[in-house]
PDB file of N, CA and C in Angstrom:
ATOM      1  N   MET A   1     -29.482  44.302 -22.292  1.00  0.00           N
ATOM      2  CA  MET A   1     -30.397  42.557 -22.236  1.00  0.00           C
ATOM      3  C   MET A   1     -30.697  42.669 -20.839  1.00  0.00           C
ATOM      4  N   ASN A   2     -31.737  42.463 -20.494  1.00  0.00           N
ATOM      5  CA  ASN A   2     -32.123  42.577 -18.612  1.00  0.00           C
ATOM      6  C   ASN A   2     -31.975  41.207 -18.454  1.00  0.00           C
ATOM      7  N   VAL A   3     -31.237  41.151 -17.100  1.00  0.00           N
ATOM      8  CA  VAL A   3     -31.284  40.014 -16.693  1.00  0.00           C
ATOM      9  C   VAL A   3     -32.227  38.811 -15.980  1.00  0.00           C
ATOM     10  N   LYS A   4     -33.546  39.574 -15.736  1.00  0.00           N
ATOM     11  CA  LYS A   4     -34.444  39.209 -15.136  1.00  0.00           C
ATOM     12  C   LYS A   4     -36.033  38.895 -16.455  1.00  0.00           C
ATOM     13  N   PHE A   5     -35.067  38.541 -17.302  1.00  0.00           N
ATOM     14  CA  PHE A   5     -35.967  37.674 -18.377  1.00  0.00           C
ATOM     15  C   PHE A   5     -36.659  36.694 -17.564  1.00  0.00           C
ATOM     16  N   PHE A   6     -35.962  35.953 -17.155  1.00  0.00           N
ATOM     17  CA  PHE A   6     -36.253  34.601 -17.210  1.00  0.00           C
ATOM     18  C   PHE A   6     -37.201  34.304 -16.028  1.00  0.00           C
ATOM     19  N   PRO A   7     -37.356  35.848 -14.975  1.00  0.00           N
ATOM     20  CA  PRO A   7     -38.483  35.760 -13.091  1.00  0.00           C
ATOM     21  C   PRO A   7     -39.593  36.330 -14.266  1.00  0.00           C
ATOM     22  N   ILE A   8     -39.256  36.727 -15.401  1.00  0.00           N
ATOM     23  CA  ILE A   8     -40.647  37.020 -16.264  1.00  0.00           C
ATOM     24  C   ILE A   8     -42.292  36.604 -16.762  1.00  0.00           C
ATOM     25  N   ILE A   9     -41.375  35.573 -17.442  1.00  0.00           N
ATOM     26  CA  ILE A   9     -41.385  34.091 -18.310  1.00  0.00           C
ATOM     27  C   ILE A   9     -41.931  33.738 -17.015  1.00  0.00           C
ATOM     28  N   LEU A  10     -41.127  33.216 -16.078  1.00  0.00           N
ATOM     29  CA  LEU A  10     -42.012  32.375 -14.637  1.00  0.00           C
ATOM     30  C   LEU A  10     -43.366  32.843 -14.566  1.00  0.00           C
ATOM     31  N   MET A  11     -43.099  34.422 -14.185  1.00  0.00           N
ATOM     32  CA  MET A  11     -44.335  34.715 -13.957  1.00  0.00           C
ATOM     33  C   MET A  11     -45.851  34.512 -13.868  1.00  0.00           C
ATOM     34  N   ALA A  12     -45.855  34.841 -16.270  1.00  0.00           N
ATOM     35  CA  ALA A  12     -46.465  35.350 -16.647  1.00  0.00           C
ATOM     36  C   ALA A  12     -46.755  33.616 -16.777  1.00  0.00           C
ATOM     37  N   LEU A  13     -46.053  32.445 -16.512  1.00  0.00           N
ATOM     38  CA  LEU A  13     -46.461  30.553 -16.756  1.00  0.00           C
ATOM     39  C   LEU A  13     -47.470  30.453 -15.462  1.00  0.00           C
ATOM     40  N   ASP A  14     -47.154  30.892 -14.005  1.00  0.00           N
ATOM     41  CA  ASP A  14     -48.007  30.973 -13.001  1.00  0.00           C
ATOM     42  C   ASP A  14     -48.916  31.273 -13.149  1.00  0.00           C
ATOM     43  N   VAL A  15     -48.786  33.002 -13.802  1.00  0.00           N
ATOM     44  CA  VAL A  15     -49.945  33.316 -13.754  1.00  0.00           C
ATOM     45  C   VAL A  15     -51.592  32.203 -14.820  1.00  0.00           C
ATOM     46  N   LEU A  16     -51.084  31.555 -15.836  1.00  0.00           N
ATOM     47  CA  LEU A  16     -51.219  31.683 -17.063  1.00  0.00           C
ATOM     48  C   LEU A  16     -52.349  30.016 -15.876  1.00  0.00           C
ATOM     49  N   ALA A  17     -50.772  29.757 -15.694  1.00  0.00           N
ATOM     50  CA  ALA A  17     -51.792  28.247 -15.075  1.00  0.00           C
ATOM     51  C   ALA A  17     -52.832  28.802 -13.787  1.00  0.00           C
ATOM     52  N   SER A  18     -52.398  28.994 -12.745  1.00  0.00           N
ATOM     53  CA  SER A  18     -53.541  29.836 -11.848  1.00  0.00           C
ATOM     54  C   SER A  18     -54.341  29.665 -12.691  1.00  0.00           C
ATOM     55  N   ILE A  19     -54.554  30.917 -13.847  1.00  0.00           N
ATOM     56  CA  ILE A  19     -56.272  31.180 -14.489  1.00  0.00           C
ATOM     57  C   ILE A  19     -56.946  29.508 -15.282  1.00  0.00           C
ATOM     58  N   VAL A  20     -55.824  28.387 -15.435  1.00  0.00           N
ATOM     59  CA  VAL A  20     -56.740  27.700 -16.327  1.00  0.00           C
ATOM     60  C   VAL A  20     -56.874  27.500 -15.498  1.00  0.00           C
ATOM     61  N   TYR A  21     -56.411  26.484 -14.031  1.00  0.00           N
ATOM     62  CA  TYR A  21     -56.765  25.839 -12.789  1.00  0.00           C
ATOM     63  C   TYR A  21     -58.346  26.655 -11.928  1.00  0.00           C
ATOM     64  N   PHE A  22     -58.114  27.701 -12.176  1.00  0.00           N
ATOM     65  CA  PHE A  22     -59.352  28.903 -11.726  1.00  0.00           C
ATOM     66  C   PHE A  22     -60.528  28.077 -12.406  1.00  0.00           C
ATOM     67  N   CYS A  23     -60.494  28.332 -13.643  1.00  0.00           N
ATOM     68  CA  CYS A  23     -60.773  28.514 -14.613  1.00  0.00           C
ATOM     69  C   CYS A  23     -61.772  26.955 -14.415  1.00  0.00           C
ATOM     70  N   ASN A  24     -61.089  25.402 -13.918  1.00  0.00           N
ATOM     71  CA  ASN A  24     -61.668  24.793 -14.633  1.00  0.00           C
ATOM     72  C   ASN A  24     -62.045  23.858 -13.140  1.00  0.00           C
ATOM     73  N   GLY A  25     -62.304  24.988 -12.138  1.00  0.00           N
ATOM     74  CA  GLY A  25     -62.953  25.032 -10.626  1.00  0.00           C
ATOM     75  C   GLY A  25     -62.085  23.772 -10.014  1.00  0.00           C
ATOM     76  N   ASP A  26     -60.288  24.009 -10.061  1.00  0.00           N
ATOM     77  CA  ASP A  26     -59.941  23.415  -8.976  1.00  0.00           C
ATOM     78  C   ASP A  26     -58.957  25.085  -8.323  1.00  0.00           C
ATOM     79  N   ILE A  27     -59.778  25.150  -6.976  1.00  0.00           N
ATOM     80  CA  ILE A  27     -59.812  26.164  -6.138  1.00  0.00           C
ATOM     81  C   ILE A  27     -57.968  25.904  -5.775  1.00  0.00           C
ATOM     82  N   LYS A  28     -57.615  25.212  -5.560  1.00  0.00           N
ATOM     83  CA  LYS A  28     -56.533  24.663  -4.514  1.00  0.00           C
ATOM     84  C   LYS A  28     -54.676  24.743  -5.402  1.00  0.00           C
ATOM     85  N   LYS A  29     -55.716  24.081  -6.539  1.00  0.00           N
ATOM     86  CA  LYS A  29     -53.765  24.223  -7.618  1.00  0.00           C
ATOM     87  C   LYS A  29     -54.102  26.233  -8.267  1.00  0.00           C
ATOM     88  N   GLY A  30     -55.486  26.992  -8.830  1.00  0.00           N
ATOM     89  CA  GLY A  30     -55.467  27.475  -8.809  1.00  0.00           C
ATOM     90  C   GLY A  30     -54.522  28.467  -8.033  1.00  0.00           C
ATOM     91  N   LEU A  31     -55.007  28.298  -6.312  1.00  0.00           N
ATOM     92  CA  LEU A  31     -53.638  29.340  -5.808  1.00  0.00           C
ATOM     93  C   LEU A  31     -52.890  29.101  -5.245  1.00  0.00           C
ATOM     94  N   TYR A  32     -52.126  27.990  -5.298  1.00  0.00           N
ATOM     95  CA  TYR A  32     -51.299  27.143  -5.514  1.00  0.00           C
ATOM     96  C   TYR A  32     -49.959  27.942  -7.056  1.00  0.00           C
ATOM     97  N   TRP A  33     -50.341  28.376  -7.967  1.00  0.00           N
ATOM     98  CA  TRP A  33     -49.764  28.963  -9.018  1.00  0.00           C
ATOM     99  C   TRP A  33     -49.857  30.630  -8.993  1.00  0.00           C
ATOM    100  N   PHE A  34     -51.065  30.982  -7.845  1.00  0.00           N
ATOM    101  CA  PHE A  34     -51.000  31.992  -8.018  1.00  0.00           C
ATOM    102  C   PHE A  34     -49.992  32.419  -6.888  1.00  0.00           C
ATOM    103  N   PHE A  35     -49.738  32.026  -5.328  1.00  0.00           N
ATOM    104  CA  PHE A  35     -48.981  32.294  -4.913  1.00  0.00           C
ATOM    105  C   PHE A  35     -47.109  31.584  -5.222  1.00  0.00           C
ATOM    106  N   ALA A  36     -47.346  31.170  -6.022  1.00  0.00           N
ATOM    107  CA  ALA A  36     -46.042  30.414  -6.701  1.00  0.00           C
ATOM    108  C   ALA A  36     -45.360  31.808  -7.956  1.00  0.00           C
ATOM    109  N   PHE A  37     -46.686  32.282  -8.518  1.00  0.00           N
ATOM    110  CA  PHE A  37     -46.407  33.867  -8.794  1.00  0.00           C
ATOM    111  C   PHE A  37     -46.158  34.913  -8.490  1.00  0.00           C
ATOM    112  N   GLY A  38     -46.147  34.869  -6.584  1.00  0.00           N
ATOM    113  CA  GLY A  38     -45.878  35.498  -5.916  1.00  0.00           C
ATOM    114  C   GLY A  38     -45.042  35.749  -5.169  1.00  0.00           C
ATOM    115  N   LEU A  39     -44.472  33.841  -4.838  1.00  0.00           N
ATOM    116  CA  LEU A  39     -43.293  34.142  -4.181  1.00  0.00           C
ATOM    117  C   LEU A  39     -42.329  34.553  -5.273  1.00  0.00           C
ATOM    118  N   THR A  40     -42.381  33.856  -6.865  1.00  0.00           N
ATOM    119  CA  THR A  40     -41.294  35.101  -7.448  1.00  0.00           C
ATOM    120  C   THR A  40     -41.179  35.801  -8.139  1.00  0.00           C
ATOM    121  N   TYR A  41     -41.935  36.916  -7.845  1.00  0.00           N
ATOM    122  CA  TYR A  41     -42.131  38.326  -7.778  1.00  0.00           C
ATOM    123  C   TYR A  41     -41.765  38.696  -6.880  1.00  0.00           C
ATOM    124  N   THR A  42     -42.083  38.196  -5.550  1.00  0.00           N
ATOM    125  CA  THR A  42     -40.962  38.293  -4.619  1.00  0.00           C
ATOM    126  C   THR A  42     -39.642  38.154  -3.965  1.00  0.00           C
ATOM    127  N   VAL A  43     -38.387  37.477  -4.721  1.00  0.00           N
ATOM    128  CA  VAL A  43     -36.765  37.154  -4.527  1.00  0.00           C
ATOM    129  C   VAL A  43     -36.700  37.828  -5.682  1.00  0.00           C
ATOM    130  N   PRO A  44     -36.607  38.112  -6.606  1.00  0.00           N
ATOM    131  CA  PRO A  44     -35.913  38.468  -8.167  1.00  0.00           C
ATOM    132  C   PRO A  44     -35.647  40.135  -8.039  1.00  0.00           C
ATOM    133  N   PHE A  45     -37.010  41.221  -7.615  1.00  0.00           N
ATOM    134  CA  PHE A  45     -37.858  41.869  -7.538  1.00  0.00           C
ATOM    135  C   PHE A  45     -37.614  42.390  -6.239  1.00  0.00           C
TER     136      PHE A  45
END
């Protein structure tokens, strides 16, 4: 089993949250979740 399973799930949720906020016009929260994805990507990988 891959140890990095949880970070992949978390990154998917970050990207999905970012898309939802961007579609609703909330740029600040969309960027927040997009950068959360970036941080989640850089730490375990």
